[in-house]
Amino acid sequence: MSARHIFVKNLGSRDLMPVMLEWLSEQGYEVNTVANRIDAEMDGVTAKIIFEDYAKGCTVNMSGPTERIQRIAAYISEISEVGGSSSQCPYCGVVFSTEQEKCPNCGAYRKSIKQHRV
């Protein structure tokens, strides 16, 4: 069993977990969640993924078969590339770059947040 630790800047577990759940399900994993922990099972082998929130992001601690952990780590790295300029879709929950006008998952337009000064 391999173990891996990744720090994801600008994304907390609240943002990252829904995206991870969807991706793991698409990959054929059976996903069970407990609080800020994901247990993903595939072909009778369990991969454990634990999220911990910090001020500037979250850490993801994974343990399981090396090849599966590498695939999951690659996906998390891909997600974290949009971390600094990301937005969560208000309809399906997918996190995507604020440079995109529409959600890549469901096609909904990103809601713009206007700040009013008093």
PDB file of N, CA and C in Angstrom:
ATOM      1  N   MET A   1       0.828  -1.185   0.000  1.00  0.00           N
ATOM      2  CA  MET A   1       0.000   0.000   0.000  1.00  0.00           C
ATOM      3  C   MET A   1       0.870   1.246   0.000  1.00  0.00           C
ATOM      4  N   SER A   2       0.539   2.135  -0.885  1.00  0.00           N
ATOM      5  CA  SER A   2       1.240   3.398  -1.007  1.00  0.00           C
ATOM      6  C   SER A   2       0.495   4.472  -0.221  1.00  0.00           C
ATOM      7  N   ALA A   3       1.213   5.508   0.193  1.00  0.00           N
ATOM      8  CA  ALA A   3       0.593   6.649   0.870  1.00  0.00           C
ATOM      9  C   ALA A   3       1.064   7.919   0.184  1.00  0.00           C
ATOM     10  N   ARG A   4       0.179   8.907   0.136  1.00  0.00           N
ATOM     11  CA  ARG A   4       0.526  10.165  -0.518  1.00  0.00           C
ATOM     12  C   ARG A   4      -0.164  11.313   0.197  1.00  0.00           C
ATOM     13  N   HIS A   5       0.513  12.435   0.271  1.00  0.00           N
ATOM     14  CA  HIS A   5       0.003  13.628   0.940  1.00  0.00           C
ATOM     15  C   HIS A   5       0.089  14.782  -0.051  1.00  0.00           C
ATOM     16  N   ILE A   6      -1.030  15.486  -0.285  1.00  0.00           N
ATOM     17  CA  ILE A   6      -1.057  16.611  -1.221  1.00  0.00           C
ATOM     18  C   ILE A   6      -1.686  17.807  -0.524  1.00  0.00           C
ATOM     19  N   PHE A   7      -1.098  18.992  -0.704  1.00  0.00           N
ATOM     20  CA  PHE A   7      -1.716  20.225  -0.220  1.00  0.00           C
ATOM     21  C   PHE A   7      -2.358  20.918  -1.411  1.00  0.00           C
ATOM     22  N   VAL A   8      -3.641  21.224  -1.298  1.00  0.00           N
ATOM     23  CA  VAL A   8      -4.374  21.860  -2.378  1.00  0.00           C
ATOM     24  C   VAL A   8      -4.635  23.316  -1.984  1.00  0.00           C
ATOM     25  N   LYS A   9      -3.954  24.241  -2.643  1.00  0.00           N
ATOM     26  CA  LYS A   9      -4.086  25.660  -2.317  1.00  0.00           C
ATOM     27  C   LYS A   9      -5.443  26.189  -2.761  1.00  0.00           C
ATOM     28  N   ASN A  10      -5.976  27.087  -1.959  1.00  0.00           N
ATOM     29  CA  ASN A  10      -7.196  27.829  -2.274  1.00  0.00           C
ATOM     30  C   ASN A  10      -8.462  26.987  -2.397  1.00  0.00           C
ATOM     31  N   LEU A  11      -8.407  25.719  -2.109  1.00  0.00           N
ATOM     32  CA  LEU A  11      -9.616  24.893  -2.110  1.00  0.00           C
ATOM     33  C   LEU A  11      -9.712  24.180  -0.764  1.00  0.00           C
ATOM     34  N   GLY A  12     -10.854  24.311  -0.123  1.00  0.00           N
ATOM     35  CA  GLY A  12     -11.101  23.587   1.108  1.00  0.00           C
ATOM     36  C   GLY A  12     -11.765  22.262   0.804  1.00  0.00           C
ATOM     37  N   SER A  13     -11.931  21.431   1.817  1.00  0.00           N
ATOM     38  CA  SER A  13     -12.558  20.124   1.594  1.00  0.00           C
ATOM     39  C   SER A  13     -13.997  20.277   1.134  1.00  0.00           C
ATOM     40  N   ARG A  14     -14.659  21.368   1.534  1.00  0.00           N
ATOM     41  CA  ARG A  14     -16.043  21.620   1.113  1.00  0.00           C
ATOM     42  C   ARG A  14     -16.137  21.781  -0.411  1.00  0.00           C
ATOM     43  N   ASP A  15     -15.113  22.371  -1.016  1.00  0.00           N
ATOM     44  CA  ASP A  15     -15.078  22.533  -2.472  1.00  0.00           C
ATOM     45  C   ASP A  15     -14.600  21.271  -3.172  1.00  0.00           C
ATOM     46  N   LEU A  16     -13.596  20.635  -2.587  1.00  0.00           N
ATOM     47  CA  LEU A  16     -12.934  19.518  -3.253  1.00  0.00           C
ATOM     48  C   LEU A  16     -13.707  18.204  -3.162  1.00  0.00           C
ATOM     49  N   MET A  17     -14.353  17.938  -2.025  1.00  0.00           N
ATOM     50  CA  MET A  17     -15.025  16.649  -1.836  1.00  0.00           C
ATOM     51  C   MET A  17     -16.097  16.340  -2.880  1.00  0.00           C
ATOM     52  N   PRO A  18     -17.016  17.283  -3.214  1.00  0.00           N
ATOM     53  CA  PRO A  18     -18.034  16.930  -4.216  1.00  0.00           C
ATOM     54  C   PRO A  18     -17.429  16.572  -5.579  1.00  0.00           C
ATOM     55  N   VAL A  19     -16.369  17.276  -5.948  1.00  0.00           N
ATOM     56  CA  VAL A  19     -15.710  17.011  -7.221  1.00  0.00           C
ATOM     57  C   VAL A  19     -15.055  15.637  -7.187  1.00  0.00           C
ATOM     58  N   MET A  20     -14.401  15.324  -6.068  1.00  0.00           N
ATOM     59  CA  MET A  20     -13.763  14.011  -5.918  1.00  0.00           C
ATOM     60  C   MET A  20     -14.801  12.889  -5.930  1.00  0.00           C
ATOM     61  N   LEU A  21     -15.919  13.086  -5.230  1.00  0.00           N
ATOM     62  CA  LEU A  21     -16.970  12.062  -5.195  1.00  0.00           C
ATOM     63  C   LEU A  21     -17.476  11.751  -6.597  1.00  0.00           C
ATOM     64  N   GLU A  22     -17.732  12.794  -7.374  1.00  0.00           N
ATOM     65  CA  GLU A  22     -18.228  12.604  -8.730  1.00  0.00           C
ATOM     66  C   GLU A  22     -17.202  11.870  -9.594  1.00  0.00           C
ATOM     67  N   TRP A  23     -15.941  12.300  -9.516  1.00  0.00           N
ATOM     68  CA  TRP A  23     -14.899  11.681 -10.327  1.00  0.00           C
ATOM     69  C   TRP A  23     -14.698  10.212  -9.941  1.00  0.00           C
ATOM     70  N   LEU A  24     -14.648   9.929  -8.643  1.00  0.00           N
ATOM     71  CA  LEU A  24     -14.458   8.550  -8.196  1.00  0.00           C
ATOM     72  C   LEU A  24     -15.604   7.665  -8.669  1.00  0.00           C
ATOM     73  N   SER A  25     -16.826   8.168  -8.603  1.00  0.00           N
ATOM     74  CA  SER A  25     -17.981   7.396  -9.078  1.00  0.00           C
ATOM     75  C   SER A  25     -17.868   7.120 -10.573  1.00  0.00           C
ATOM     76  N   GLU A  26     -17.446   8.133 -11.339  1.00  0.00           N
ATOM     77  CA  GLU A  26     -17.267   7.955 -12.783  1.00  0.00           C
ATOM     78  C   GLU A  26     -16.179   6.930 -13.100  1.00  0.00           C
ATOM     79  N   GLN A  27     -15.183   6.802 -12.214  1.00  0.00           N
ATOM     80  CA  GLN A  27     -14.090   5.864 -12.423  1.00  0.00           C
ATOM     81  C   GLN A  27     -14.451   4.441 -12.006  1.00  0.00           C
ATOM     82  N   GLY A  28     -15.665   4.263 -11.475  1.00  0.00           N
ATOM     83  CA  GLY A  28     -16.104   2.926 -11.093  1.00  0.00           C
ATOM     84  C   GLY A  28     -15.889   2.581  -9.634  1.00  0.00           C
ATOM     85  N   TYR A  29     -15.483   3.549  -8.833  1.00  0.00           N
ATOM     86  CA  TYR A  29     -15.299   3.301  -7.409  1.00  0.00           C
ATOM     87  C   TYR A  29     -16.634   3.284  -6.690  1.00  0.00           C
ATOM     88  N   GLU A  30     -16.741   2.467  -5.677  1.00  0.00           N
ATOM     89  CA  GLU A  30     -17.869   2.526  -4.760  1.00  0.00           C
ATOM     90  C   GLU A  30     -17.415   3.470  -3.656  1.00  0.00           C
ATOM     91  N   VAL A  31     -18.128   4.558  -3.466  1.00  0.00           N
ATOM     92  CA  VAL A  31     -17.669   5.599  -2.549  1.00  0.00           C
ATOM     93  C   VAL A  31     -18.518   5.631  -1.291  1.00  0.00           C
ATOM     94  N   ASN A  32     -17.857   5.602  -0.153  1.00  0.00           N
ATOM     95  CA  ASN A  32     -18.508   5.756   1.145  1.00  0.00           C
ATOM     96  C   ASN A  32     -17.853   6.935   1.838  1.00  0.00           C
ATOM     97  N   THR A  33     -18.667   7.859   2.353  1.00  0.00           N
ATOM     98  CA  THR A  33     -18.085   9.025   3.020  1.00  0.00           C
ATOM     99  C   THR A  33     -18.440   9.052   4.496  1.00  0.00           C
ATOM    100  N   VAL A  34     -17.498   9.512   5.277  1.00  0.00           N
ATOM    101  CA  VAL A  34     -17.701   9.730   6.704  1.00  0.00           C
ATOM    102  C   VAL A  34     -17.049  11.063   7.026  1.00  0.00           C
ATOM    103  N   ALA A  35     -17.873  12.073   7.360  1.00  0.00           N
ATOM    104  CA  ALA A  35     -17.398  13.421   7.682  1.00  0.00           C
ATOM    105  C   ALA A  35     -16.455  13.916   6.594  1.00  0.00           C
ATOM    106  N   ASN A  36     -15.210  14.178   6.937  1.00  0.00           N
ATOM    107  CA  ASN A  36     -14.270  14.695   5.936  1.00  0.00           C
ATOM    108  C   ASN A  36     -13.355  13.581   5.419  1.00  0.00           C
ATOM    109  N   ARG A  37     -13.882  12.365   5.361  1.00  0.00           N
ATOM    110  CA  ARG A  37     -13.096  11.220   4.917  1.00  0.00           C
ATOM    111  C   ARG A  37     -13.839  10.503   3.800  1.00  0.00           C
ATOM    112  N   ILE A  38     -13.122  10.062   2.804  1.00  0.00           N
ATOM    113  CA  ILE A  38     -13.720   9.258   1.722  1.00  0.00           C
ATOM    114  C   ILE A  38     -13.040   7.892   1.726  1.00  0.00           C
ATOM    115  N   ASP A  39     -13.843   6.850   1.733  1.00  0.00           N
ATOM    116  CA  ASP A  39     -13.339   5.495   1.537  1.00  0.00           C
ATOM    117  C   ASP A  39     -13.821   5.070   0.161  1.00  0.00           C
ATOM    118  N   ALA A  40     -12.908   4.856  -0.760  1.00  0.00           N
ATOM    119  CA  ALA A  40     -13.282   4.457  -2.119  1.00  0.00           C
ATOM    120  C   ALA A  40     -12.831   3.023  -2.346  1.00  0.00           C
ATOM    121  N   GLU A  41     -13.759   2.188  -2.806  1.00  0.00           N
ATOM    122  CA  GLU A  41     -13.435   0.775  -3.000  1.00  0.00           C
ATOM    123  C   GLU A  41     -13.629   0.393  -4.455  1.00  0.00           C
ATOM    124  N   MET A  42     -12.656  -0.342  -4.994  1.00  0.00           N
ATOM    125  CA  MET A  42     -12.731  -0.785  -6.386  1.00  0.00           C
ATOM    126  C   MET A  42     -12.060  -2.149  -6.484  1.00  0.00           C
ATOM    127  N   ASP A  43     -12.749  -3.076  -7.071  1.00  0.00           N
ATOM    128  CA  ASP A  43     -12.214  -4.436  -7.227  1.00  0.00           C
ATOM    129  C   ASP A  43     -11.782  -5.046  -5.898  1.00  0.00           C
ATOM    130  N   GLY A  44     -12.511  -4.767  -4.828  1.00  0.00           N
ATOM    131  CA  GLY A  44     -12.195  -5.346  -3.528  1.00  0.00           C
ATOM    132  C   GLY A  44     -11.009  -4.715  -2.824  1.00  0.00           C
ATOM    133  N   VAL A  45     -10.424  -3.679  -3.416  1.00  0.00           N
ATOM    134  CA  VAL A  45      -9.283  -3.004  -2.806  1.00  0.00           C
ATOM    135  C   VAL A  45      -9.749  -1.634  -2.317  1.00  0.00           C
ATOM    136  N   THR A  46      -9.407  -1.279  -1.102  1.00  0.00           N
ATOM    137  CA  THR A  46      -9.848  -0.014  -0.534  1.00  0.00           C
ATOM    138  C   THR A  46      -8.770   1.047  -0.626  1.00  0.00           C
ATOM    139  N   ALA A  47      -9.170   2.233  -1.032  1.00  0.00           N
ATOM    140  CA  ALA A  47      -8.290   3.400  -1.001  1.00  0.00           C
ATOM    141  C   ALA A  47      -8.893   4.366   0.006  1.00  0.00           C
ATOM    142  N   LYS A  48      -8.105   4.834   0.941  1.00  0.00           N
ATOM    143  CA  LYS A  48      -8.596   5.778   1.945  1.00  0.00           C
ATOM    144  C   LYS A  48      -8.110   7.171   1.590  1.00  0.00           C
ATOM    145  N   ILE A  49      -9.035   8.139   1.629  1.00  0.00           N
ATOM    146  CA  ILE A  49      -8.722   9.528   1.310  1.00  0.00           C
ATOM    147  C   ILE A  49      -9.271  10.381   2.445  1.00  0.00           C
ATOM    148  N   ILE A  50      -8.389  11.131   3.102  1.00  0.00           N
ATOM    149  CA  ILE A  50      -8.794  11.971   4.234  1.00  0.00           C
ATOM    150  C   ILE A  50      -8.474  13.421   3.920  1.00  0.00           C
ATOM    151  N   PHE A  51      -9.456  14.298   4.116  1.00  0.00           N
ATOM    152  CA  PHE A  51      -9.298  15.736   3.889  1.00  0.00           C
ATOM    153  C   PHE A  51      -9.146  16.453   5.225  1.00  0.00           C
ATOM    154  N   GLU A  52      -8.223  17.411   5.288  1.00  0.00           N
ATOM    155  CA  GLU A  52      -8.068  18.258   6.464  1.00  0.00           C
ATOM    156  C   GLU A  52      -7.984  19.703   5.998  1.00  0.00           C
ATOM    157  N   ASP A  53      -8.834  20.559   6.559  1.00  0.00           N
ATOM    158  CA  ASP A  53      -8.847  21.970   6.159  1.00  0.00           C
ATOM    159  C   ASP A  53      -7.844  22.799   6.946  1.00  0.00           C
ATOM    160  N   TYR A  54      -7.222  23.746   6.235  1.00  0.00           N
ATOM    161  CA  TYR A  54      -6.318  24.723   6.821  1.00  0.00           C
ATOM    162  C   TYR A  54      -6.673  26.088   6.249  1.00  0.00           C
ATOM    163  N   ALA A  55      -6.070  27.141   6.755  1.00  0.00           N
ATOM    164  CA  ALA A  55      -6.428  28.508   6.360  1.00  0.00           C
ATOM    165  C   ALA A  55      -6.319  28.760   4.856  1.00  0.00           C
ATOM    166  N   LYS A  56      -5.307  28.232   4.200  1.00  0.00           N
ATOM    167  CA  LYS A  56      -5.089  28.541   2.782  1.00  0.00           C
ATOM    168  C   LYS A  56      -5.362  27.366   1.855  1.00  0.00           C
ATOM    169  N   GLY A  57      -6.113  26.403   2.315  1.00  0.00           N
ATOM    170  CA  GLY A  57      -6.418  25.248   1.477  1.00  0.00           C
ATOM    171  C   GLY A  57      -6.667  24.024   2.326  1.00  0.00           C
ATOM    172  N   CYS A  58      -6.511  22.860   1.734  1.00  0.00           N
ATOM    173  CA  CYS A  58      -6.687  21.629   2.505  1.00  0.00           C
ATOM    174  C   CYS A  58      -5.625  20.612   2.111  1.00  0.00           C
ATOM    175  N   THR A  59      -5.394  19.672   2.989  1.00  0.00           N
ATOM    176  CA  THR A  59      -4.488  18.577   2.676  1.00  0.00           C
ATOM    177  C   THR A  59      -5.336  17.353   2.368  1.00  0.00           C
ATOM    178  N   VAL A  60      -4.824  16.535   1.484  1.00  0.00           N
ATOM    179  CA  VAL A  60      -5.477  15.287   1.125  1.00  0.00           C
ATOM    180  C   VAL A  60      -4.467  14.186   1.409  1.00  0.00           C
ATOM    181  N   ASN A  61      -4.792  13.306   2.339  1.00  0.00           N
ATOM    182  CA  ASN A  61      -3.938  12.180   2.683  1.00  0.00           C
ATOM    183  C   ASN A  61      -4.580  10.915   2.135  1.00  0.00           C
ATOM    184  N   MET A  62      -3.828  10.187   1.317  1.00  0.00           N
ATOM    185  CA  MET A  62      -4.359   8.997   0.670  1.00  0.00           C
ATOM    186  C   MET A  62      -3.491   7.786   0.972  1.00  0.00           C
ATOM    187  N   SER A  63      -4.131   6.643   1.071  1.00  0.00           N
ATOM    188  CA  SER A  63      -3.385   5.393   1.170  1.00  0.00           C
ATOM    189  C   SER A  63      -4.150   4.319   0.413  1.00  0.00           C
ATOM    190  N   GLY A  64      -3.407   3.463  -0.248  1.00  0.00           N
ATOM    191  CA  GLY A  64      -4.011   2.404  -1.054  1.00  0.00           C
ATOM    192  C   GLY A  64      -3.007   1.905  -2.066  1.00  0.00           C
ATOM    193  N   PRO A  65      -3.478   1.133  -3.050  1.00  0.00           N
ATOM    194  CA  PRO A  65      -2.578   0.612  -4.084  1.00  0.00           C
ATOM    195  C   PRO A  65      -1.918   1.758  -4.865  1.00  0.00           C
ATOM    196  N   THR A  66      -0.629   1.643  -5.115  1.00  0.00           N
ATOM    197  CA  THR A  66       0.160   2.698  -5.749  1.00  0.00           C
ATOM    198  C   THR A  66      -0.458   3.243  -7.025  1.00  0.00           C
ATOM    199  N   GLU A  67      -0.868   2.365  -7.948  1.00  0.00           N
ATOM    200  CA  GLU A  67      -1.396   2.841  -9.226  1.00  0.00           C
ATOM    201  C   GLU A  67      -2.701   3.629  -9.048  1.00  0.00           C
ATOM    202  N   ARG A  68      -3.522   3.235  -8.109  1.00  0.00           N
ATOM    203  CA  ARG A  68      -4.777   3.957  -7.868  1.00  0.00           C
ATOM    204  C   ARG A  68      -4.512   5.308  -7.215  1.00  0.00           C
ATOM    205  N   ILE A  69      -3.583   5.323  -6.267  1.00  0.00           N
ATOM    206  CA  ILE A  69      -3.242   6.576  -5.589  1.00  0.00           C
ATOM    207  C   ILE A  69      -2.641   7.554  -6.600  1.00  0.00           C
ATOM    208  N   GLN A  70      -1.835   7.066  -7.523  1.00  0.00           N
ATOM    209  CA  GLN A  70      -1.251   7.942  -8.542  1.00  0.00           C
ATOM    210  C   GLN A  70      -2.334   8.548  -9.435  1.00  0.00           C
ATOM    211  N   ARG A  71      -3.344   7.761  -9.809  1.00  0.00           N
ATOM    212  CA  ARG A  71      -4.451   8.280 -10.628  1.00  0.00           C
ATOM    213  C   ARG A  71      -5.242   9.341  -9.872  1.00  0.00           C
ATOM    214  N   ILE A  72      -5.528   9.072  -8.607  1.00  0.00           N
ATOM    215  CA  ILE A  72      -6.279  10.024  -7.792  1.00  0.00           C
ATOM    216  C   ILE A  72      -5.462  11.296  -7.586  1.00  0.00           C
ATOM    217  N   ALA A  73      -4.157  11.153  -7.301  1.00  0.00           N
ATOM    218  CA  ALA A  73      -3.282  12.314  -7.102  1.00  0.00           C
ATOM    219  C   ALA A  73      -3.193  13.157  -8.365  1.00  0.00           C
ATOM    220  N   ALA A  74      -3.146  12.516  -9.526  1.00  0.00           N
ATOM    221  CA  ALA A  74      -3.096  13.256 -10.796  1.00  0.00           C
ATOM    222  C   ALA A  74      -4.373  14.060 -10.990  1.00  0.00           C
ATOM    223  N   TYR A  75      -5.512  13.469 -10.642  1.00  0.00           N
ATOM    224  CA  TYR A  75      -6.779  14.182 -10.782  1.00  0.00           C
ATOM    225  C   TYR A  75      -6.847  15.371  -9.811  1.00  0.00           C
ATOM    226  N   ILE A  76      -6.407  15.178  -8.570  1.00  0.00           N
ATOM    227  CA  ILE A  76      -6.403  16.274  -7.589  1.00  0.00           C
ATOM    228  C   ILE A  76      -5.488  17.396  -8.063  1.00  0.00           C
ATOM    229  N   SER A  77      -4.344  17.053  -8.634  1.00  0.00           N
ATOM    230  CA  SER A  77      -3.431  18.072  -9.161  1.00  0.00           C
ATOM    231  C   SER A  77      -4.095  18.866 -10.277  1.00  0.00           C
ATOM    232  N   GLU A  78      -4.856  18.171 -11.124  1.00  0.00           N
ATOM    233  CA  GLU A  78      -5.580  18.831 -12.223  1.00  0.00           C
ATOM    234  C   GLU A  78      -6.619  19.805 -11.666  1.00  0.00           C
ATOM    235  N   ILE A  79      -7.349  19.396 -10.642  1.00  0.00           N
ATOM    236  CA  ILE A  79      -8.353  20.252 -10.016  1.00  0.00           C
ATOM    237  C   ILE A  79      -7.685  21.464  -9.370  1.00  0.00           C
ATOM    238  N   SER A  80      -6.571  21.236  -8.686  1.00  0.00           N
ATOM    239  CA  SER A  80      -5.928  22.317  -7.935  1.00  0.00           C
ATOM    240  C   SER A  80      -5.338  23.391  -8.838  1.00  0.00           C
ATOM    241  N   GLU A  81      -5.154  23.097 -10.123  1.00  0.00           N
ATOM    242  CA  GLU A  81      -4.653  24.104 -11.057  1.00  0.00           C
ATOM    243  C   GLU A  81      -5.636  25.252 -11.227  1.00  0.00           C
ATOM    244  N   VAL A  82      -6.923  24.981 -11.024  1.00  0.00           N
ATOM    245  CA  VAL A  82      -7.914  26.052 -11.124  1.00  0.00           C
ATOM    246  C   VAL A  82      -8.233  26.638  -9.751  1.00  0.00           C
ATOM    247  N   GLY A  83      -7.581  26.143  -8.727  1.00  0.00           N
ATOM    248  CA  GLY A  83      -7.882  26.529  -7.352  1.00  0.00           C
ATOM    249  C   GLY A  83      -7.909  28.015  -7.063  1.00  0.00           C
ATOM    250  N   GLY A  84      -6.936  28.781  -7.552  1.00  0.00           N
ATOM    251  CA  GLY A  84      -6.865  30.192  -7.227  1.00  0.00           C
ATOM    252  C   GLY A  84      -7.948  31.009  -7.872  1.00  0.00           C
ATOM    253  N   SER A  85      -8.451  30.580  -8.996  1.00  0.00           N
ATOM    254  CA  SER A  85      -9.478  31.335  -9.704  1.00  0.00           C
ATOM    255  C   SER A  85     -10.634  30.409 -10.050  1.00  0.00           C
ATOM    256  N   SER A  86     -11.209  29.798  -9.019  1.00  0.00           N
ATOM    257  CA  SER A  86     -12.264  28.836  -9.267  1.00  0.00           C
ATOM    258  C   SER A  86     -13.585  29.272  -8.667  1.00  0.00           C
ATOM    259  N   SER A  87     -14.627  28.657  -9.158  1.00  0.00           N
ATOM    260  CA  SER A  87     -15.978  28.931  -8.703  1.00  0.00           C
ATOM    261  C   SER A  87     -16.716  27.610  -8.658  1.00  0.00           C
ATOM    262  N   GLN A  88     -17.633  27.475  -7.718  1.00  0.00           N
ATOM    263  CA  GLN A  88     -18.413  26.250  -7.650  1.00  0.00           C
ATOM    264  C   GLN A  88     -19.747  26.481  -8.340  1.00  0.00           C
ATOM    265  N   CYS A  89     -20.130  25.566  -9.179  1.00  0.00           N
ATOM    266  CA  CYS A  89     -21.399  25.664  -9.885  1.00  0.00           C
ATOM    267  C   CYS A  89     -22.534  25.603  -8.860  1.00  0.00           C
ATOM    268  N   PRO A  90     -23.460  26.566  -8.890  1.00  0.00           N
ATOM    269  CA  PRO A  90     -24.547  26.569  -7.918  1.00  0.00           C
ATOM    270  C   PRO A  90     -25.567  25.454  -8.158  1.00  0.00           C
ATOM    271  N   TYR A  91     -25.482  24.793  -9.314  1.00  0.00           N
ATOM    272  CA  TYR A  91     -26.463  23.761  -9.656  1.00  0.00           C
ATOM    273  C   TYR A  91     -25.944  22.346  -9.432  1.00  0.00           C
ATOM    274  N   CYS A  92     -24.729  22.050  -9.922  1.00  0.00           N
ATOM    275  CA  CYS A  92     -24.233  20.671  -9.802  1.00  0.00           C
ATOM    276  C   CYS A  92     -23.057  20.540  -8.835  1.00  0.00           C
ATOM    277  N   GLY A  93     -22.459  21.672  -8.396  1.00  0.00           N
ATOM    278  CA  GLY A  93     -21.398  21.633  -7.405  1.00  0.00           C
ATOM    279  C   GLY A  93     -19.990  21.453  -7.939  1.00  0.00           C
ATOM    280  N   VAL A  94     -19.817  21.318  -9.245  1.00  0.00           N
ATOM    281  CA  VAL A  94     -18.487  21.146  -9.825  1.00  0.00           C
ATOM    282  C   VAL A  94     -17.688  22.442  -9.685  1.00  0.00           C
ATOM    283  N   VAL A  95     -16.415  22.322  -9.321  1.00  0.00           N
ATOM    284  CA  VAL A  95     -15.537  23.480  -9.216  1.00  0.00           C
ATOM    285  C   VAL A  95     -14.853  23.674 -10.568  1.00  0.00           C
ATOM    286  N   PHE A  96     -14.922  24.900 -11.120  1.00  0.00           N
ATOM    287  CA  PHE A  96     -14.299  25.167 -12.406  1.00  0.00           C
ATOM    288  C   PHE A  96     -13.726  26.574 -12.430  1.00  0.00           C
ATOM    289  N   SER A  97     -12.879  26.846 -13.398  1.00  0.00           N
ATOM    290  CA  SER A  97     -12.183  28.121 -13.510  1.00  0.00           C
ATOM    291  C   SER A  97     -13.163  29.267 -13.729  1.00  0.00           C
ATOM    292  N   THR A  98     -12.894  30.407 -13.074  1.00  0.00           N
ATOM    293  CA  THR A  98     -13.744  31.582 -13.259  1.00  0.00           C
ATOM    294  C   THR A  98     -13.532  32.199 -14.644  1.00  0.00           C
ATOM    295  N   GLU A  99     -12.539  31.734 -15.373  1.00  0.00           N
ATOM    296  CA  GLU A  99     -12.336  32.194 -16.741  1.00  0.00           C
ATOM    297  C   GLU A  99     -13.371  31.584 -17.686  1.00  0.00           C
ATOM    298  N   GLN A 100     -14.011  30.501 -17.248  1.00  0.00           N
ATOM    299  CA  GLN A 100     -15.053  29.868 -18.039  1.00  0.00           C
ATOM    300  C   GLN A 100     -16.402  30.494 -17.697  1.00  0.00           C
ATOM    301  N   GLU A 101     -17.211  30.742 -18.705  1.00  0.00           N
ATOM    302  CA  GLU A 101     -18.514  31.357 -18.497  1.00  0.00           C
ATOM    303  C   GLU A 101     -19.550  30.331 -18.042  1.00  0.00           C
ATOM    304  N   LYS A 102     -19.418  29.090 -18.558  1.00  0.00           N
ATOM    305  CA  LYS A 102     -20.384  28.042 -18.248  1.00  0.00           C
ATOM    306  C   LYS A 102     -19.713  26.879 -17.536  1.00  0.00           C
ATOM    307  N   CYS A 103     -20.478  26.176 -16.723  1.00  0.00           N
ATOM    308  CA  CYS A 103     -20.000  24.976 -16.040  1.00  0.00           C
ATOM    309  C   CYS A 103     -19.699  23.897 -17.077  1.00  0.00           C
ATOM    310  N   PRO A 104     -18.509  23.293 -17.033  1.00  0.00           N
ATOM    311  CA  PRO A 104     -18.169  22.246 -18.006  1.00  0.00           C
ATOM    312  C   PRO A 104     -18.966  20.958 -17.796  1.00  0.00           C
ATOM    313  N   ASN A 105     -19.580  20.819 -16.619  1.00  0.00           N
ATOM    314  CA  ASN A 105     -20.326  19.607 -16.319  1.00  0.00           C
ATOM    315  C   ASN A 105     -21.786  19.690 -16.758  1.00  0.00           C
ATOM    316  N   CYS A 106     -22.498  20.746 -16.320  1.00  0.00           N
ATOM    317  CA  CYS A 106     -23.934  20.820 -16.601  1.00  0.00           C
ATOM    318  C   CYS A 106     -24.317  21.937 -17.567  1.00  0.00           C
ATOM    319  N   GLY A 107     -23.364  22.829 -17.898  1.00  0.00           N
ATOM    320  CA  GLY A 107     -23.646  23.891 -18.855  1.00  0.00           C
ATOM    321  C   GLY A 107     -24.297  25.128 -18.283  1.00  0.00           C
ATOM    322  N   ALA A 108     -24.512  25.152 -16.956  1.00  0.00           N
ATOM    323  CA  ALA A 108     -25.121  26.324 -16.322  1.00  0.00           C
ATOM    324  C   ALA A 108     -24.144  27.501 -16.338  1.00  0.00           C
ATOM    325  N   TYR A 109     -24.690  28.701 -16.498  1.00  0.00           N
ATOM    326  CA  TYR A 109     -23.842  29.893 -16.460  1.00  0.00           C
ATOM    327  C   TYR A 109     -23.385  30.160 -15.032  1.00  0.00           C
ATOM    328  N   ARG A 110     -22.128  30.611 -14.914  1.00  0.00           N
ATOM    329  CA  ARG A 110     -21.572  30.951 -13.604  1.00  0.00           C
ATOM    330  C   ARG A 110     -22.255  32.217 -13.117  1.00  0.00           C
ATOM    331  N   LYS A 111     -22.661  32.218 -11.855  1.00  0.00           N
ATOM    332  CA  LYS A 111     -23.288  33.407 -11.278  1.00  0.00           C
ATOM    333  C   LYS A 111     -22.212  34.411 -10.936  1.00  0.00           C
ATOM    334  N   SER A 112     -22.436  35.661 -11.315  1.00  0.00           N
ATOM    335  CA  SER A 112     -21.467  36.697 -10.961  1.00  0.00           C
ATOM    336  C   SER A 112     -21.868  37.293  -9.628  1.00  0.00           C
ATOM    337  N   ILE A 113     -20.865  37.559  -8.821  1.00  0.00           N
ATOM    338  CA  ILE A 113     -21.099  38.138  -7.501  1.00  0.00           C
ATOM    339  C   ILE A 113     -20.728  39.607  -7.569  1.00  0.00           C
ATOM    340  N   LYS A 114     -21.711  40.458  -7.352  1.00  0.00           N
ATOM    341  CA  LYS A 114     -21.467  41.900  -7.383  1.00  0.00           C
ATOM    342  C   LYS A 114     -21.345  42.409  -5.961  1.00  0.00           C
ATOM    343  N   GLN A 115     -20.328  43.193  -5.711  1.00  0.00           N
ATOM    344  CA  GLN A 115     -20.133  43.767  -4.381  1.00  0.00           C
ATOM    345  C   GLN A 115     -20.543  45.228  -4.441  1.00  0.00           C
ATOM    346  N   HIS A 116     -21.379  45.629  -3.494  1.00  0.00           N
ATOM    347  CA  HIS A 116     -21.832  47.005  -3.417  1.00  0.00           C
ATOM    348  C   HIS A 116     -21.096  47.704  -2.290  1.00  0.00           C
ATOM    349  N   ARG A 117     -20.601  48.877  -2.549  1.00  0.00           N
ATOM    350  CA  ARG A 117     -19.918  49.656  -1.517  1.00  0.00           C
ATOM    351  C   ARG A 117     -20.912  50.629  -0.907  1.00  0.00           C
ATOM    352  N   VAL A 118     -20.827  50.776   0.381  1.00  0.00           N
ATOM    353  CA  VAL A 118     -21.722  51.689   1.094  1.00  0.00           C
ATOM    354  C   VAL A 118     -21.002  52.991   1.380  1.00  0.00           C
TER     355      VAL A 118
END
